[in-house]
Amino acid sequence: MRDQGGVHVTSRSPISGRHYRTTTQKWTTISYLHCVALDRQNSEFEVQEIPTPQLRRRPMSYKVKLNEWWCDYGQFQALKLPCPHVIVVCSFFHLQLATFVSPVYSLNNILKAYEIQFHPIQNQDYWSPYTGPNMIPDPHMRRSKAGRPTTDRIHNEMDDPIPNRPKKCSYCRNEGHNRTNCPYRH
């Protein structure tokens, strides 16, 4: 058994290697989180963010219910993997993190998914003929590859140039020449 940031992980962890690495990458945010026990009997905890210069928003507080596999953050329910708030609770109360990882991520289930045999695609000569509808692309809908992309903005009278207005140099704003042959530029 080895200690990883306060969470005990056995060498025979049911978590696959890739998911274990993504979980351990979340431990970098743990130093900015603090755990408070709300109801330890029902495994309800509150995890508060500690304000730091790296945190560019108002610190939040999240409620974690370990018995229900629920966290206000939402990632714990969606991915069935411990979010940083669940990791803090496990670390703070010396709970095994592996118990809060869904069995879907176990090495046995991953091996079962790839247990079936995959057959390579045969040569195109052996394919059955296609009998579905033939799709013909509209050539006018194709995006032009060369040049600057055109804008989709709808122009109004504000975008129209003022007629008979003399052109000015963009460098000195005087009339009669342009930026390339401006006498004040050289």
N, C-alpha and C. Protein backbone atom coordinates (compact mmCIF):
# COMPACT_ATOMS: atom_id res chain seq x y z
N MET A 1 0.85 -1.17 0.00
CA MET A 1 0.00 0.00 0.00
C MET A 1 0.90 1.23 0.00
N ARG A 2 0.59 2.21 -0.86
CA ARG A 2 1.37 3.44 -0.89
C ARG A 2 0.43 4.63 -0.69
N ASP A 3 0.99 5.72 -0.19
CA ASP A 3 0.19 6.90 0.13
C ASP A 3 0.34 7.92 -0.99
N GLN A 4 -0.76 8.37 -1.57
CA GLN A 4 -0.75 9.37 -2.64
C GLN A 4 -1.55 10.57 -2.17
N GLY A 5 -0.92 11.59 -1.66
CA GLY A 5 -1.62 12.80 -1.27
C GLY A 5 -2.67 12.56 -0.20
N GLY A 6 -2.39 11.64 0.75
CA GLY A 6 -3.33 11.38 1.82
C GLY A 6 -4.33 10.30 1.50
N VAL A 7 -4.39 9.84 0.27
CA VAL A 7 -5.33 8.79 -0.12
C VAL A 7 -4.54 7.50 -0.29
N HIS A 8 -5.01 6.44 0.39
CA HIS A 8 -4.28 5.17 0.32
C HIS A 8 -4.74 4.39 -0.90
N VAL A 9 -3.77 3.96 -1.70
CA VAL A 9 -4.07 3.22 -2.92
C VAL A 9 -3.25 1.94 -2.89
N THR A 10 -3.90 0.82 -3.04
CA THR A 10 -3.18 -0.45 -3.03
C THR A 10 -2.62 -0.71 -4.41
N SER A 11 -1.61 -1.57 -4.48
CA SER A 11 -1.02 -1.90 -5.77
C SER A 11 -1.99 -2.73 -6.62
N ARG A 12 -2.99 -3.36 -5.98
CA ARG A 12 -3.99 -4.12 -6.71
C ARG A 12 -5.28 -3.31 -6.82
N SER A 13 -5.15 -2.10 -7.18
CA SER A 13 -6.31 -1.20 -7.28
C SER A 13 -7.22 -1.65 -8.42
N PRO A 14 -8.55 -1.61 -8.22
CA PRO A 14 -9.47 -2.03 -9.28
C PRO A 14 -9.57 -1.00 -10.40
N ILE A 15 -8.90 0.14 -10.24
CA ILE A 15 -8.97 1.19 -11.25
C ILE A 15 -7.95 0.89 -12.33
N SER A 16 -8.31 1.10 -13.60
CA SER A 16 -7.35 0.92 -14.67
C SER A 16 -6.32 2.04 -14.62
N GLY A 17 -5.17 1.83 -15.22
CA GLY A 17 -4.06 2.77 -15.15
C GLY A 17 -4.39 4.15 -15.67
N ARG A 18 -5.08 4.25 -16.80
CA ARG A 18 -5.38 5.56 -17.39
C ARG A 18 -6.29 6.37 -16.48
N HIS A 19 -7.32 5.73 -15.92
CA HIS A 19 -8.25 6.44 -15.05
C HIS A 19 -7.58 6.80 -13.73
N TYR A 20 -6.65 5.97 -13.29
CA TYR A 20 -5.91 6.28 -12.06
C TYR A 20 -5.06 7.53 -12.27
N ARG A 21 -4.42 7.64 -13.46
CA ARG A 21 -3.59 8.83 -13.75
C ARG A 21 -4.42 10.09 -13.83
N THR A 22 -5.61 10.02 -14.46
CA THR A 22 -6.44 11.22 -14.55
C THR A 22 -6.93 11.63 -13.17
N THR A 23 -7.18 10.65 -12.30
CA THR A 23 -7.61 10.97 -10.95
C THR A 23 -6.48 11.61 -10.16
N THR A 24 -5.28 11.10 -10.33
CA THR A 24 -4.15 11.67 -9.58
C THR A 24 -3.79 13.06 -10.10
N GLN A 25 -4.09 13.37 -11.36
CA GLN A 25 -3.84 14.73 -11.86
C GLN A 25 -4.76 15.73 -11.18
N LYS A 26 -5.92 15.27 -10.72
CA LYS A 26 -6.84 16.16 -10.03
C LYS A 26 -6.33 16.53 -8.64
N TRP A 27 -5.37 15.76 -8.11
CA TRP A 27 -4.87 16.04 -6.77
C TRP A 27 -4.10 17.35 -6.70
N THR A 28 -3.72 17.90 -7.83
CA THR A 28 -3.00 19.18 -7.81
C THR A 28 -3.90 20.31 -7.32
N THR A 29 -5.23 20.18 -7.51
CA THR A 29 -6.15 21.22 -7.06
C THR A 29 -6.56 21.05 -5.60
N ILE A 30 -6.22 19.91 -4.99
CA ILE A 30 -6.67 19.62 -3.64
C ILE A 30 -6.12 20.62 -2.62
N SER A 31 -4.93 21.14 -2.85
CA SER A 31 -4.33 22.04 -1.87
C SER A 31 -5.13 23.32 -1.70
N TYR A 32 -6.05 23.62 -2.62
CA TYR A 32 -6.87 24.82 -2.53
C TYR A 32 -8.30 24.52 -2.05
N LEU A 33 -8.53 23.32 -1.53
CA LEU A 33 -9.85 22.93 -1.07
C LEU A 33 -9.80 22.52 0.40
N HIS A 34 -10.86 22.83 1.14
CA HIS A 34 -10.94 22.49 2.56
C HIS A 34 -12.25 21.74 2.81
N CYS A 35 -12.19 20.67 3.59
CA CYS A 35 -13.36 19.82 3.84
C CYS A 35 -13.92 20.07 5.23
N VAL A 36 -15.25 20.16 5.31
CA VAL A 36 -15.96 20.31 6.57
C VAL A 36 -17.03 19.22 6.62
N ALA A 37 -17.08 18.48 7.74
CA ALA A 37 -18.07 17.41 7.88
C ALA A 37 -19.40 18.02 8.30
N LEU A 38 -20.44 17.82 7.51
CA LEU A 38 -21.78 18.28 7.86
C LEU A 38 -22.51 17.21 8.67
N ASP A 39 -22.52 16.00 8.15
CA ASP A 39 -23.18 14.87 8.82
C ASP A 39 -22.36 13.63 8.50
N ARG A 40 -21.46 13.29 9.40
CA ARG A 40 -20.55 12.18 9.11
C ARG A 40 -21.29 10.84 9.11
N GLN A 41 -22.38 10.71 9.86
CA GLN A 41 -23.14 9.47 9.89
C GLN A 41 -23.74 9.16 8.51
N ASN A 42 -24.24 10.20 7.83
CA ASN A 42 -24.83 10.03 6.51
C ASN A 42 -23.85 10.34 5.39
N SER A 43 -22.59 10.53 5.72
CA SER A 43 -21.51 10.83 4.76
C SER A 43 -21.81 12.07 3.93
N GLU A 44 -22.24 13.14 4.60
CA GLU A 44 -22.46 14.42 3.92
C GLU A 44 -21.38 15.39 4.36
N PHE A 45 -20.73 16.00 3.37
CA PHE A 45 -19.60 16.89 3.63
C PHE A 45 -19.74 18.15 2.79
N GLU A 46 -19.05 19.20 3.22
CA GLU A 46 -18.99 20.43 2.45
C GLU A 46 -17.52 20.71 2.15
N VAL A 47 -17.23 20.96 0.89
CA VAL A 47 -15.86 21.26 0.46
C VAL A 47 -15.85 22.71 0.00
N GLN A 48 -14.96 23.50 0.62
CA GLN A 48 -14.88 24.93 0.32
C GLN A 48 -13.57 25.22 -0.40
N GLU A 49 -13.65 26.07 -1.41
CA GLU A 49 -12.44 26.52 -2.10
C GLU A 49 -11.79 27.62 -1.28
N ILE A 50 -10.47 27.55 -1.16
CA ILE A 50 -9.72 28.58 -0.45
C ILE A 50 -9.31 29.64 -1.47
N PRO A 51 -9.59 30.93 -1.19
CA PRO A 51 -9.23 31.96 -2.17
C PRO A 51 -7.72 32.08 -2.34
N THR A 52 -7.27 32.03 -3.59
CA THR A 52 -5.85 32.18 -3.92
C THR A 52 -5.73 33.10 -5.12
N PRO A 53 -4.52 33.60 -5.41
CA PRO A 53 -4.35 34.44 -6.62
C PRO A 53 -4.64 33.68 -7.91
N GLN A 54 -4.44 32.35 -7.93
CA GLN A 54 -4.70 31.57 -9.14
C GLN A 54 -6.20 31.44 -9.40
N LEU A 55 -7.02 31.50 -8.34
CA LEU A 55 -8.47 31.38 -8.48
C LEU A 55 -9.02 32.73 -8.89
N ARG A 56 -9.43 32.88 -10.13
CA ARG A 56 -9.84 34.18 -10.66
C ARG A 56 -11.35 34.40 -10.59
N ARG A 57 -11.98 33.74 -9.65
CA ARG A 57 -13.41 33.93 -9.44
C ARG A 57 -13.69 33.82 -7.94
N ARG A 58 -14.92 34.06 -7.58
CA ARG A 58 -15.30 33.98 -6.18
C ARG A 58 -15.22 32.53 -5.70
N PRO A 59 -14.62 32.25 -4.54
CA PRO A 59 -14.54 30.87 -4.05
C PRO A 59 -15.94 30.26 -3.87
N MET A 60 -16.07 29.01 -4.23
CA MET A 60 -17.36 28.32 -4.16
C MET A 60 -17.31 27.27 -3.05
N SER A 61 -18.46 26.76 -2.71
CA SER A 61 -18.54 25.68 -1.75
C SER A 61 -19.45 24.60 -2.35
N TYR A 62 -19.04 23.34 -2.22
CA TYR A 62 -19.75 22.23 -2.84
C TYR A 62 -20.14 21.21 -1.78
N LYS A 63 -21.34 20.67 -1.90
CA LYS A 63 -21.82 19.64 -0.98
C LYS A 63 -21.55 18.28 -1.60
N VAL A 64 -20.99 17.36 -0.81
CA VAL A 64 -20.66 16.02 -1.27
C VAL A 64 -21.42 15.02 -0.41
N LYS A 65 -22.17 14.11 -1.06
CA LYS A 65 -22.86 13.03 -0.36
C LYS A 65 -22.29 11.71 -0.89
N LEU A 66 -21.40 11.11 -0.09
CA LEU A 66 -20.71 9.91 -0.56
C LEU A 66 -21.64 8.70 -0.66
N ASN A 67 -22.63 8.59 0.24
CA ASN A 67 -23.55 7.44 0.18
C ASN A 67 -24.38 7.44 -1.09
N GLU A 68 -24.66 8.64 -1.60
CA GLU A 68 -25.49 8.75 -2.82
C GLU A 68 -24.65 8.95 -4.07
N TRP A 69 -23.32 8.97 -3.94
CA TRP A 69 -22.40 9.23 -5.05
C TRP A 69 -22.80 10.54 -5.73
N TRP A 70 -22.86 11.61 -4.95
CA TRP A 70 -23.37 12.88 -5.45
C TRP A 70 -22.49 14.04 -4.98
N CYS A 71 -22.27 15.00 -5.87
CA CYS A 71 -21.52 16.22 -5.57
C CYS A 71 -22.18 17.36 -6.34
N ASP A 72 -22.23 18.57 -5.74
CA ASP A 72 -22.81 19.73 -6.41
C ASP A 72 -22.11 20.05 -7.71
N TYR A 73 -20.84 19.70 -7.81
CA TYR A 73 -20.05 20.01 -9.00
C TYR A 73 -20.59 19.29 -10.24
N GLY A 74 -21.13 18.09 -10.07
CA GLY A 74 -21.79 17.36 -11.16
C GLY A 74 -20.92 16.35 -11.88
N GLN A 75 -19.63 16.49 -11.78
CA GLN A 75 -18.72 15.59 -12.51
C GLN A 75 -18.74 14.19 -11.91
N PHE A 76 -18.91 14.08 -10.61
CA PHE A 76 -18.93 12.79 -9.93
C PHE A 76 -20.10 11.94 -10.42
N GLN A 77 -21.28 12.55 -10.61
CA GLN A 77 -22.44 11.81 -11.08
C GLN A 77 -22.31 11.48 -12.56
N ALA A 78 -21.77 12.41 -13.33
CA ALA A 78 -21.72 12.24 -14.79
C ALA A 78 -20.72 11.17 -15.21
N LEU A 79 -19.51 11.23 -14.66
CA LEU A 79 -18.45 10.31 -15.10
C LEU A 79 -18.29 9.08 -14.22
N LYS A 80 -18.92 9.11 -13.04
CA LYS A 80 -18.76 8.03 -12.06
C LYS A 80 -17.30 7.86 -11.65
N LEU A 81 -16.57 8.97 -11.71
CA LEU A 81 -15.19 9.05 -11.24
C LEU A 81 -15.12 10.16 -10.19
N PRO A 82 -14.28 10.01 -9.17
CA PRO A 82 -14.20 11.04 -8.14
C PRO A 82 -13.73 12.38 -8.70
N CYS A 83 -14.50 13.43 -8.41
CA CYS A 83 -14.10 14.79 -8.76
C CYS A 83 -13.14 15.28 -7.67
N PRO A 84 -12.50 16.43 -7.85
CA PRO A 84 -11.56 16.92 -6.82
C PRO A 84 -12.19 17.06 -5.44
N HIS A 85 -13.49 17.33 -5.37
CA HIS A 85 -14.15 17.50 -4.07
C HIS A 85 -14.29 16.17 -3.35
N VAL A 86 -14.59 15.11 -4.07
CA VAL A 86 -14.68 13.77 -3.48
C VAL A 86 -13.29 13.30 -3.06
N ILE A 87 -12.29 13.63 -3.84
CA ILE A 87 -10.91 13.26 -3.50
C ILE A 87 -10.49 13.93 -2.20
N VAL A 88 -10.89 15.19 -2.00
CA VAL A 88 -10.56 15.90 -0.77
C VAL A 88 -11.23 15.24 0.43
N VAL A 89 -12.50 14.86 0.27
CA VAL A 89 -13.21 14.20 1.37
C VAL A 89 -12.53 12.89 1.71
N CYS A 90 -12.18 12.10 0.70
CA CYS A 90 -11.51 10.82 0.94
C CYS A 90 -10.16 11.03 1.62
N SER A 91 -9.44 12.04 1.19
CA SER A 91 -8.14 12.33 1.78
C SER A 91 -8.29 12.81 3.22
N PHE A 92 -9.25 13.68 3.47
CA PHE A 92 -9.44 14.28 4.79
C PHE A 92 -9.88 13.25 5.83
N PHE A 93 -10.73 12.28 5.42
CA PHE A 93 -11.26 11.30 6.35
C PHE A 93 -10.65 9.91 6.15
N HIS A 94 -9.55 9.82 5.43
CA HIS A 94 -8.78 8.58 5.22
C HIS A 94 -9.67 7.45 4.69
N LEU A 95 -10.44 7.75 3.65
CA LEU A 95 -11.27 6.75 2.99
C LEU A 95 -10.56 6.29 1.72
N GLN A 96 -10.82 5.05 1.33
CA GLN A 96 -10.20 4.55 0.11
C GLN A 96 -10.89 5.14 -1.11
N LEU A 97 -10.11 5.77 -1.98
CA LEU A 97 -10.64 6.42 -3.17
C LEU A 97 -11.21 5.40 -4.15
N ALA A 98 -10.63 4.21 -4.20
CA ALA A 98 -11.05 3.19 -5.17
C ALA A 98 -12.49 2.75 -4.95
N THR A 99 -13.03 2.93 -3.74
CA THR A 99 -14.41 2.52 -3.49
C THR A 99 -15.41 3.47 -4.16
N PHE A 100 -14.96 4.65 -4.57
CA PHE A 100 -15.85 5.63 -5.20
C PHE A 100 -15.62 5.74 -6.70
N VAL A 101 -15.01 4.73 -7.27
CA VAL A 101 -14.84 4.64 -8.72
C VAL A 101 -15.79 3.57 -9.22
N SER A 102 -16.57 3.89 -10.23
CA SER A 102 -17.55 2.95 -10.75
C SER A 102 -16.87 1.67 -11.25
N PRO A 103 -17.53 0.52 -11.06
CA PRO A 103 -16.96 -0.73 -11.57
C PRO A 103 -16.81 -0.75 -13.09
N VAL A 104 -17.44 0.19 -13.78
CA VAL A 104 -17.31 0.28 -15.24
C VAL A 104 -15.85 0.50 -15.62
N TYR A 105 -15.11 1.20 -14.76
CA TYR A 105 -13.71 1.52 -15.05
C TYR A 105 -12.74 0.45 -14.58
N SER A 106 -13.25 -0.66 -14.05
CA SER A 106 -12.35 -1.71 -13.58
C SER A 106 -11.66 -2.36 -14.78
N LEU A 107 -10.50 -2.88 -14.51
CA LEU A 107 -9.70 -3.51 -15.56
C LEU A 107 -10.44 -4.69 -16.16
N ASN A 108 -11.18 -5.44 -15.34
CA ASN A 108 -11.93 -6.60 -15.85
C ASN A 108 -12.99 -6.17 -16.86
N ASN A 109 -13.72 -5.10 -16.57
CA ASN A 109 -14.77 -4.63 -17.50
C ASN A 109 -14.17 -4.09 -18.78
N ILE A 110 -13.04 -3.43 -18.69
CA ILE A 110 -12.39 -2.91 -19.90
C ILE A 110 -11.91 -4.07 -20.77
N LEU A 111 -11.37 -5.11 -20.12
CA LEU A 111 -10.93 -6.29 -20.88
C LEU A 111 -12.11 -7.02 -21.50
N LYS A 112 -13.26 -7.05 -20.81
CA LYS A 112 -14.46 -7.67 -21.37
C LYS A 112 -14.95 -6.94 -22.62
N ALA A 113 -14.82 -5.62 -22.61
CA ALA A 113 -15.28 -4.84 -23.76
C ALA A 113 -14.48 -5.19 -25.02
N TYR A 114 -13.19 -5.50 -24.85
CA TYR A 114 -12.35 -5.82 -26.00
C TYR A 114 -12.13 -7.32 -26.16
N GLU A 115 -12.94 -8.11 -25.45
CA GLU A 115 -12.82 -9.56 -25.51
C GLU A 115 -13.29 -10.11 -26.85
N ILE A 116 -14.31 -9.49 -27.44
CA ILE A 116 -14.83 -10.00 -28.71
C ILE A 116 -13.80 -9.79 -29.81
N GLN A 117 -13.91 -10.59 -30.82
CA GLN A 117 -12.95 -10.56 -31.90
C GLN A 117 -13.37 -9.52 -32.94
N PHE A 118 -12.42 -8.68 -33.33
CA PHE A 118 -12.67 -7.68 -34.36
C PHE A 118 -12.16 -8.22 -35.68
N HIS A 119 -13.02 -8.18 -36.69
CA HIS A 119 -12.62 -8.69 -38.00
C HIS A 119 -12.20 -7.51 -38.88
N PRO A 120 -11.07 -7.63 -39.55
CA PRO A 120 -10.64 -6.52 -40.41
C PRO A 120 -11.57 -6.36 -41.61
N ILE A 121 -11.64 -5.15 -42.13
CA ILE A 121 -12.46 -4.88 -43.31
C ILE A 121 -11.78 -5.52 -44.52
N GLN A 122 -12.59 -6.21 -45.30
CA GLN A 122 -12.05 -6.91 -46.47
C GLN A 122 -11.73 -5.92 -47.58
N ASN A 123 -11.14 -6.45 -48.62
CA ASN A 123 -10.83 -5.67 -49.81
C ASN A 123 -12.13 -5.14 -50.40
N GLN A 124 -12.11 -3.98 -51.01
CA GLN A 124 -13.30 -3.33 -51.53
C GLN A 124 -13.97 -4.17 -52.63
N ASP A 125 -13.24 -5.04 -53.25
CA ASP A 125 -13.83 -5.89 -54.30
C ASP A 125 -14.87 -6.85 -53.72
N TYR A 126 -14.74 -7.23 -52.43
CA TYR A 126 -15.66 -8.18 -51.80
C TYR A 126 -16.88 -7.50 -51.17
N TRP A 127 -16.96 -6.18 -51.18
CA TRP A 127 -18.08 -5.46 -50.57
C TRP A 127 -19.34 -5.69 -51.39
N SER A 128 -20.48 -5.70 -50.72
CA SER A 128 -21.75 -5.82 -51.45
C SER A 128 -22.05 -4.46 -52.09
N PRO A 129 -22.74 -4.45 -53.22
CA PRO A 129 -23.02 -3.17 -53.90
C PRO A 129 -23.96 -2.30 -53.07
N TYR A 130 -23.74 -1.00 -53.12
CA TYR A 130 -24.54 -0.03 -52.37
C TYR A 130 -25.83 0.24 -53.13
N THR A 131 -26.95 0.11 -52.42
CA THR A 131 -28.26 0.29 -53.07
C THR A 131 -29.00 1.52 -52.54
N GLY A 132 -28.41 2.29 -51.67
CA GLY A 132 -29.08 3.45 -51.08
C GLY A 132 -29.08 4.65 -52.01
N PRO A 133 -29.58 5.78 -51.53
CA PRO A 133 -29.63 6.99 -52.37
C PRO A 133 -28.23 7.55 -52.64
N ASN A 134 -28.06 8.08 -53.82
CA ASN A 134 -26.80 8.71 -54.18
C ASN A 134 -26.84 10.19 -53.80
N MET A 135 -25.93 10.61 -52.99
CA MET A 135 -25.86 12.00 -52.55
C MET A 135 -24.92 12.76 -53.48
N ILE A 136 -25.41 13.84 -54.05
CA ILE A 136 -24.59 14.68 -54.92
C ILE A 136 -24.42 16.03 -54.23
N PRO A 137 -23.19 16.41 -53.89
CA PRO A 137 -23.00 17.68 -53.19
C PRO A 137 -23.25 18.87 -54.09
N ASP A 138 -23.78 19.95 -53.51
CA ASP A 138 -24.04 21.18 -54.24
C ASP A 138 -22.72 21.95 -54.34
N PRO A 139 -22.21 22.20 -55.55
CA PRO A 139 -20.90 22.86 -55.68
C PRO A 139 -20.95 24.32 -55.21
N HIS A 140 -22.11 24.93 -55.18
CA HIS A 140 -22.22 26.33 -54.73
C HIS A 140 -22.11 26.45 -53.21
N MET A 141 -22.37 25.36 -52.52
CA MET A 141 -22.27 25.37 -51.06
C MET A 141 -20.84 25.16 -50.58
N ARG A 142 -19.96 24.79 -51.47
CA ARG A 142 -18.57 24.52 -51.11
C ARG A 142 -17.85 25.80 -50.75
N ARG A 143 -17.05 25.74 -49.71
CA ARG A 143 -16.29 26.89 -49.25
C ARG A 143 -15.08 27.08 -50.15
N SER A 144 -14.82 28.32 -50.53
CA SER A 144 -13.64 28.57 -51.36
C SER A 144 -12.40 28.49 -50.48
N LYS A 145 -11.39 27.83 -50.98
CA LYS A 145 -10.19 27.57 -50.18
C LYS A 145 -9.20 28.72 -50.24
N ALA A 146 -9.09 29.37 -51.38
CA ALA A 146 -8.07 30.38 -51.55
C ALA A 146 -8.57 31.75 -51.12
N GLY A 147 -7.69 32.55 -50.60
CA GLY A 147 -8.00 33.93 -50.27
C GLY A 147 -8.57 34.13 -48.89
N ARG A 148 -8.88 35.36 -48.61
CA ARG A 148 -9.42 35.74 -47.32
C ARG A 148 -10.89 35.32 -47.23
N PRO A 149 -11.32 34.77 -46.08
CA PRO A 149 -12.72 34.37 -45.96
C PRO A 149 -13.65 35.57 -46.01
N THR A 150 -14.79 35.40 -46.65
CA THR A 150 -15.75 36.50 -46.76
C THR A 150 -16.60 36.55 -45.50
N THR A 151 -17.04 37.73 -45.14
CA THR A 151 -17.84 37.91 -43.94
C THR A 151 -19.31 37.63 -44.22
N ASP A 152 -20.01 37.17 -43.20
CA ASP A 152 -21.44 36.89 -43.31
C ASP A 152 -22.27 38.03 -42.75
N ARG A 153 -21.63 39.09 -42.30
CA ARG A 153 -22.32 40.19 -41.66
C ARG A 153 -23.19 40.94 -42.67
N ILE A 154 -24.35 41.35 -42.23
CA ILE A 154 -25.26 42.11 -43.10
C ILE A 154 -24.87 43.58 -43.01
N HIS A 155 -24.55 44.19 -44.15
CA HIS A 155 -24.12 45.58 -44.17
C HIS A 155 -25.33 46.51 -44.18
N ASN A 156 -25.16 47.70 -43.57
CA ASN A 156 -26.20 48.72 -43.60
C ASN A 156 -25.59 50.03 -44.10
N GLU A 157 -26.34 51.13 -43.99
CA GLU A 157 -25.85 52.41 -44.55
C GLU A 157 -24.60 52.93 -43.84
N MET A 158 -24.36 52.50 -42.63
CA MET A 158 -23.17 52.92 -41.91
C MET A 158 -21.89 52.40 -42.59
N ASP A 159 -21.99 51.27 -43.28
CA ASP A 159 -20.83 50.66 -43.93
C ASP A 159 -20.54 51.24 -45.31
N ASP A 160 -21.45 52.00 -45.87
CA ASP A 160 -21.23 52.58 -47.20
C ASP A 160 -20.21 53.71 -47.12
N PRO A 161 -19.28 53.78 -48.07
CA PRO A 161 -18.30 54.87 -48.05
C PRO A 161 -18.94 56.21 -48.43
N ILE A 162 -18.36 57.29 -47.93
CA ILE A 162 -18.85 58.63 -48.26
C ILE A 162 -18.38 58.96 -49.68
N PRO A 163 -19.29 59.30 -50.61
CA PRO A 163 -18.88 59.57 -52.00
C PRO A 163 -18.08 60.88 -52.11
N ASN A 164 -17.17 60.93 -53.09
CA ASN A 164 -16.33 62.09 -53.40
C ASN A 164 -15.49 62.55 -52.20
N ARG A 165 -15.15 61.65 -51.35
CA ARG A 165 -14.28 61.98 -50.22
C ARG A 165 -12.86 61.65 -50.62
N PRO A 166 -11.92 62.59 -50.50
CA PRO A 166 -10.55 62.31 -50.92
C PRO A 166 -9.88 61.29 -49.99
N LYS A 167 -9.03 60.46 -50.56
CA LYS A 167 -8.29 59.45 -49.80
C LYS A 167 -7.18 60.13 -49.01
N LYS A 168 -6.90 59.62 -47.81
CA LYS A 168 -5.86 60.18 -46.96
C LYS A 168 -4.81 59.12 -46.67
N CYS A 169 -3.60 59.59 -46.38
CA CYS A 169 -2.50 58.70 -46.00
C CYS A 169 -2.81 58.14 -44.62
N SER A 170 -2.63 56.84 -44.43
CA SER A 170 -2.92 56.23 -43.13
C SER A 170 -1.82 56.50 -42.12
N TYR A 171 -0.68 57.05 -42.57
CA TYR A 171 0.42 57.34 -41.65
C TYR A 171 0.33 58.76 -41.09
N CYS A 172 0.20 59.77 -41.99
CA CYS A 172 0.17 61.17 -41.54
C CYS A 172 -1.19 61.82 -41.66
N ARG A 173 -2.18 61.13 -42.26
CA ARG A 173 -3.56 61.61 -42.43
C ARG A 173 -3.67 62.83 -43.35
N ASN A 174 -2.70 63.07 -44.22
CA ASN A 174 -2.75 64.16 -45.20
C ASN A 174 -3.22 63.61 -46.53
N GLU A 175 -3.77 64.48 -47.37
CA GLU A 175 -4.25 64.08 -48.69
C GLU A 175 -3.12 64.17 -49.72
N GLY A 176 -3.30 63.46 -50.84
CA GLY A 176 -2.38 63.57 -51.96
C GLY A 176 -1.38 62.44 -52.08
N HIS A 177 -1.25 61.60 -51.11
CA HIS A 177 -0.34 60.45 -51.20
C HIS A 177 -0.87 59.34 -50.28
N ASN A 178 -0.18 58.18 -50.33
CA ASN A 178 -0.59 57.07 -49.47
C ASN A 178 0.58 56.69 -48.55
N ARG A 179 0.44 55.63 -47.79
CA ARG A 179 1.43 55.24 -46.78
C ARG A 179 2.77 54.85 -47.38
N THR A 180 2.75 54.23 -48.55
CA THR A 180 4.02 53.76 -49.14
C THR A 180 4.92 54.91 -49.59
N ASN A 181 4.34 55.99 -50.10
CA ASN A 181 5.18 57.11 -50.55
C ASN A 181 4.97 58.37 -49.68
N CYS A 182 4.75 58.16 -48.38
CA CYS A 182 4.56 59.26 -47.44
C CYS A 182 5.90 59.96 -47.19
N PRO A 183 5.99 61.31 -47.32
CA PRO A 183 7.26 62.00 -47.09
C PRO A 183 7.67 62.01 -45.63
N TYR A 184 6.76 61.83 -44.70
CA TYR A 184 7.10 61.88 -43.28
C TYR A 184 7.55 60.53 -42.74
N ARG A 185 7.40 59.49 -43.53
CA ARG A 185 7.72 58.14 -43.06
C ARG A 185 9.20 57.82 -43.14
N HIS A 186 9.92 58.38 -44.10
CA HIS A 186 11.34 58.02 -44.31
C HIS A 186 12.29 58.88 -43.59
